[in-house]
Protein backbone atom coordinates (compact mmCIF):
# COMPACT_ATOMS: atom_id res chain seq x y z
CA MET A 1 -40.90 38.12 -51.61
CA LYS A 2 -39.40 38.08 -48.14
CA ARG A 3 -36.85 40.85 -47.52
CA THR A 4 -33.81 40.45 -45.28
CA SER A 5 -32.02 43.30 -43.50
CA PRO A 6 -28.72 44.24 -45.17
CA GLN A 7 -25.60 43.53 -43.08
CA ASN A 8 -22.69 45.97 -42.70
CA PRO A 9 -19.57 44.08 -43.81
CA ALA A 10 -17.32 46.77 -42.29
CA ALA A 11 -18.55 46.31 -38.72
CA PHE A 12 -16.25 44.70 -36.11
CA THR A 13 -17.50 41.85 -34.02
CA LEU A 14 -16.79 41.94 -30.28
CA ILE A 15 -14.22 39.17 -30.63
CA GLU A 16 -12.36 41.06 -33.38
CA LEU A 17 -12.35 44.24 -31.30
CA LEU A 18 -10.97 42.44 -28.26
CA THR A 19 -8.31 40.82 -30.44
CA VAL A 20 -7.16 44.20 -31.76
CA ILE A 21 -7.05 45.65 -28.24
CA GLY A 22 -5.02 42.66 -27.09
CA ILE A 23 -2.52 43.07 -29.93
CA ILE A 24 -2.12 46.78 -29.14
CA ALA A 25 -1.54 45.98 -25.44
CA VAL A 26 1.16 43.45 -26.34
CA LEU A 27 2.88 45.93 -28.68
CA MET A 28 2.84 48.63 -26.02
CA THR A 29 4.33 46.20 -23.49
CA LEU A 30 7.15 45.46 -25.93
CA LEU A 31 7.62 49.13 -26.78
CA PHE A 32 7.94 50.58 -23.27
CA PRO A 33 11.33 48.98 -22.46
CA ALA A 34 12.70 50.21 -25.79
CA VAL A 35 11.46 53.75 -25.11
CA ASN A 36 12.96 53.70 -21.61
CA ALA A 37 16.27 52.45 -23.01
CA VAL A 38 16.34 55.32 -25.52
CA LYS A 39 15.60 57.85 -22.77
CA GLU A 40 18.31 56.42 -20.53
CA ASN A 41 20.84 56.48 -23.35
CA ALA A 42 19.95 60.15 -23.97
CA ARG A 43 20.54 60.92 -20.28
CA ARG A 44 23.94 59.22 -20.40
CA MET A 45 24.92 61.19 -23.49
CA GLU A 46 23.79 64.42 -21.82
CA ALA A 47 25.83 63.63 -18.70
CA LYS A 48 28.93 62.72 -20.74
CA ASN A 49 28.72 65.92 -22.76
CA MET A 50 28.24 67.94 -19.59
CA CYS A 51 31.30 66.36 -17.98
CA MET A 52 33.43 67.25 -20.99
CA GLN A 53 32.11 70.82 -21.00
CA ILE A 54 32.89 71.19 -17.29
CA VAL A 55 36.47 70.06 -17.86
CA ALA A 56 36.84 72.52 -20.75
CA ALA A 57 35.45 75.39 -18.66
CA VAL A 58 37.87 74.78 -15.78
CA LYS A 59 40.78 74.62 -18.21
CA HIS A 60 39.68 77.89 -19.83
CA TYR A 61 39.59 79.51 -16.39
CA TYR A 62 43.12 78.26 -15.76
CA GLN A 63 44.29 79.75 -19.04
CA GLU A 64 42.64 83.06 -18.18
CA TYR A 65 43.85 83.40 -14.58
CA GLY A 66 46.81 81.02 -14.31
CA LYS A 67 45.27 78.97 -11.51
CA PHE A 68 42.32 76.73 -10.75
CA PRO A 69 39.10 78.33 -9.50
CA PRO A 70 39.27 78.57 -5.68
CA VAL A 71 36.35 76.91 -3.88
CA ALA A 72 36.84 78.72 -0.55
CA GLU A 73 36.69 82.45 0.17
CA ASP A 74 40.22 82.26 1.60
CA PRO A 75 42.10 80.08 -0.93
CA ALA A 76 45.42 80.62 0.88
CA SER A 77 44.18 78.84 3.98
CA GLY A 78 45.90 75.51 4.43
CA THR A 79 47.86 75.66 1.18
CA GLN A 80 51.34 76.56 2.49
CA ASN A 81 52.71 73.22 1.30
CA PRO A 82 51.18 72.51 -2.13
CA SER A 83 53.21 69.32 -2.59
CA GLN A 84 51.23 67.70 0.23
CA GLN A 85 47.88 69.26 -0.54
CA LYS A 86 45.16 66.93 -1.82
CA ASP A 87 43.36 67.64 -5.05
CA VAL A 88 40.21 69.71 -4.55
CA VAL A 89 36.91 67.95 -5.23
CA VAL A 90 33.46 69.53 -5.42
CA GLY A 91 30.18 67.69 -5.86
CA ASP A 92 27.41 65.82 -4.14
CA GLN A 93 27.73 65.01 -0.46
CA VAL A 94 26.64 61.43 -1.24
CA MET A 95 29.90 60.95 -3.14
CA SER A 96 31.92 62.36 -0.20
CA ALA A 97 32.92 65.52 -2.02
CA GLN A 98 34.54 68.23 0.09
CA VAL A 99 32.10 71.00 -0.88
CA ASN A 100 29.05 71.39 -3.10
CA ASN A 101 29.76 72.17 -6.74
CA ASN A 102 28.10 75.60 -6.57
CA ALA A 103 31.38 76.73 -4.95
CA LEU A 104 32.95 76.15 -8.37
CA PHE A 105 30.15 77.21 -10.69
CA HIS A 106 29.49 80.59 -9.06
CA THR A 107 32.97 81.55 -10.22
CA LEU A 108 32.75 79.91 -13.64
CA ARG A 109 29.37 81.58 -14.26
CA ALA A 110 30.54 85.00 -13.02
CA ILE A 111 27.93 85.03 -10.23
CA ALA A 112 28.81 87.15 -7.21
CA LYS A 113 28.00 84.54 -4.57
CA ALA A 114 30.33 82.75 -2.18
CA PRO A 115 33.10 81.99 -2.66
CA ASN A 116 33.10 84.44 -5.59
CA THR A 117 31.81 87.27 -3.41
CA ASP A 118 32.22 90.65 -5.14
CA HIS A 119 33.60 88.67 -8.13
CA GLN A 120 36.88 88.29 -6.25
CA PHE A 121 37.85 85.13 -8.16
CA ASN A 122 36.57 86.23 -11.56
CA ARG A 123 37.37 89.94 -11.71
CA ARG A 124 36.94 90.06 -15.48
CA ARG A 125 33.50 88.49 -15.09
CA VAL A 126 34.12 86.01 -17.86
CA ILE A 127 31.33 83.46 -18.27
CA PHE A 128 33.21 80.19 -18.68
CA PHE A 129 30.22 77.88 -18.42
CA GLU A 130 26.54 78.01 -19.32
CA SER A 131 23.76 75.44 -19.20
CA LYS A 132 20.00 75.11 -18.85
CA ALA A 133 18.05 75.33 -15.61
CA VAL A 134 16.69 72.23 -13.90
CA ALA A 135 13.39 71.07 -15.34
CA ASN A 136 11.63 70.31 -12.05
CA PRO A 137 12.73 72.71 -9.29
CA SER A 138 9.58 72.06 -7.26
CA ALA A 139 9.83 68.27 -7.31
CA GLY A 140 12.25 68.07 -4.38
CA LYS A 141 14.97 66.46 -6.48
CA PRO A 142 16.24 68.80 -9.22
CA ARG A 143 17.58 67.11 -12.33
CA GLY A 144 19.54 68.01 -15.43
CA GLY A 145 20.73 71.60 -15.00
CA PHE A 146 21.44 74.48 -12.67
CA TYR A 147 19.27 74.79 -9.57
CA ASP A 148 18.85 78.57 -9.58
CA ARG A 149 15.18 78.77 -8.61
CA GLY A 150 13.32 76.73 -6.06
CA ALA A 151 9.63 75.93 -5.83
CA ASP A 152 7.37 78.83 -6.89
CA GLY A 153 10.42 80.86 -7.90
CA GLY A 154 11.91 80.87 -4.42
CA VAL A 155 15.57 80.49 -3.51
CA PRO A 156 16.91 76.90 -3.30
CA PRO A 157 18.61 75.67 -0.09
CA PRO A 158 22.07 77.28 0.32
CA GLU A 159 23.93 74.02 -0.30
CA GLN A 160 22.09 73.58 -3.61
CA ASP A 161 21.73 77.19 -4.75
CA GLY A 162 23.42 77.41 -8.16
CA ALA A 163 24.60 73.79 -8.10
CA LEU A 164 24.72 71.76 -11.32
CA PHE A 165 22.72 68.52 -11.21
CA ASP A 166 22.97 65.47 -13.44
CA PRO A 167 19.91 63.89 -15.16
CA TRP A 168 19.38 61.56 -12.17
CA GLY A 169 19.24 64.22 -9.46
CA HIS A 170 22.75 64.45 -7.99
CA GLN A 171 25.44 67.09 -8.30
CA TYR A 172 28.27 66.48 -10.76
CA GLY A 173 31.61 65.79 -9.16
CA VAL A 174 34.62 67.84 -10.31
CA ILE A 175 38.24 67.21 -9.28
CA MET A 176 41.11 69.63 -9.95
CA ASP A 177 44.84 68.93 -9.77
CA THR A 178 45.48 71.57 -7.12
CA ASN A 179 48.67 69.89 -5.87
CA TYR A 180 50.06 70.13 -9.42
CA ASP A 181 51.40 66.62 -9.80
CA ASN A 182 49.81 66.32 -13.27
CA ARG A 183 47.28 63.68 -12.26
CA ILE A 184 43.89 63.68 -10.58
CA ASP A 185 43.86 61.72 -7.33
CA LEU A 186 40.62 59.75 -7.15
CA VAL A 187 41.61 57.49 -4.25
CA GLY A 188 38.60 58.57 -2.19
CA PHE A 189 36.18 57.89 -5.02
CA TYR A 190 37.32 55.00 -7.24
CA THR A 191 39.57 52.21 -6.06
CA ASP A 192 40.69 51.39 -9.60
CA PHE A 193 41.91 54.98 -10.13
CA ALA A 194 43.83 55.18 -6.87
CA GLY A 195 47.53 56.03 -6.80
CA ALA A 196 50.19 56.47 -9.45
CA GLU A 197 51.37 53.75 -11.83
CA GLU A 198 54.53 53.13 -9.82
CA ASN A 199 52.32 52.21 -6.87
CA GLY A 200 50.06 49.93 -8.88
CA GLY A 201 47.36 52.55 -9.46
CA LEU A 202 45.79 54.16 -12.48
CA ALA A 203 45.31 57.78 -11.41
CA PRO A 204 44.56 59.60 -14.67
CA ARG A 205 47.31 61.84 -16.01
CA GLN A 206 44.94 64.78 -16.34
CA THR A 207 44.55 68.08 -14.55
CA VAL A 208 40.74 68.16 -14.36
CA GLY A 209 38.08 65.45 -14.18
CA ALA A 210 34.29 65.45 -13.96
CA PHE A 211 31.99 62.56 -13.11
CA SER A 212 28.41 61.52 -12.36
CA MET A 213 27.16 58.58 -10.30
CA GLY A 214 24.67 57.58 -13.01
CA LYS A 215 21.26 56.00 -12.71
CA ASP A 216 22.00 53.85 -9.65
CA GLU A 217 23.09 57.00 -7.75
CA THR A 218 26.14 55.32 -6.24
CA LEU A 219 29.85 55.40 -7.02
CA GLY A 220 30.75 52.26 -8.92
CA LYS A 221 28.60 49.17 -9.29
CA ARG A 222 26.17 49.06 -6.36
CA ASN A 223 28.33 51.47 -4.34
CA SER A 224 31.48 49.38 -4.85
CA ARG A 225 33.47 52.56 -5.63
CA SER A 226 35.08 50.66 -8.47
CA TYR A 227 34.39 52.01 -11.93
CA LYS A 228 35.10 48.67 -13.55
CA ALA A 229 35.35 45.21 -12.02
CA GLY A 230 36.77 42.77 -14.55
CA THR A 231 34.71 43.16 -17.69
CA GLU A 232 31.72 44.71 -15.92
CA ALA A 233 31.64 48.51 -15.87
CA SER A 234 29.42 50.60 -13.62
CA ASP A 235 26.86 53.05 -14.98
CA ASP A 236 28.94 56.03 -13.79
CA ILE A 237 29.84 58.75 -16.27
CA ILE A 238 33.48 59.88 -16.20
CA SER A 239 35.37 62.40 -18.32
CA TRP A 240 38.79 60.75 -18.33
CA GLN A 241 37.87 57.66 -20.38
């Protein structure tokens, strides 16, 4: 009797293997956008929470000391007429902030660096704000935390030392009602939040605001400096809405 070699029914043919690989490739192509969307949503939630925590920290400082945290070593300079003084803004230079936000956070974190030299603006050394360190200090664009250490543990550039960065690599903006008119004046940042209601504006009736430029790294939609145009909102993160 002639014998035949037994065949393995569990073996894949080349065509079947290529088919499976093709299906996996298609599924991965469909999955990547969903994964990226989840990650981006997580970044937005992180930025929103951080903005709210910043606002709370500044308000707690005000309750403790009866004033907003100064962002210059001589806070009396140029403030003889508070009614005409503009609200103080700290943040990224890209957003046209007056000073970097480390000028605020050194005081809120009880760190004896300018302008809080010798703890002059936080004598009780209360820690009003805490957060994680940036995840990639050596990448050239710190993201998502405080930039306290540079590459290989070195000191960051002075303008970034101790600054708080959003998940996209720019400093958070913080505005304080230092002219005490019970609204934050965002005229230099968002056109739709410029001026009081009686002048056709929508300046928020709040004493502190925090904001991030979002993924596109510009104020407003494509640097329009408008948070919302019609029904289309920008990807910016703001604390007052």
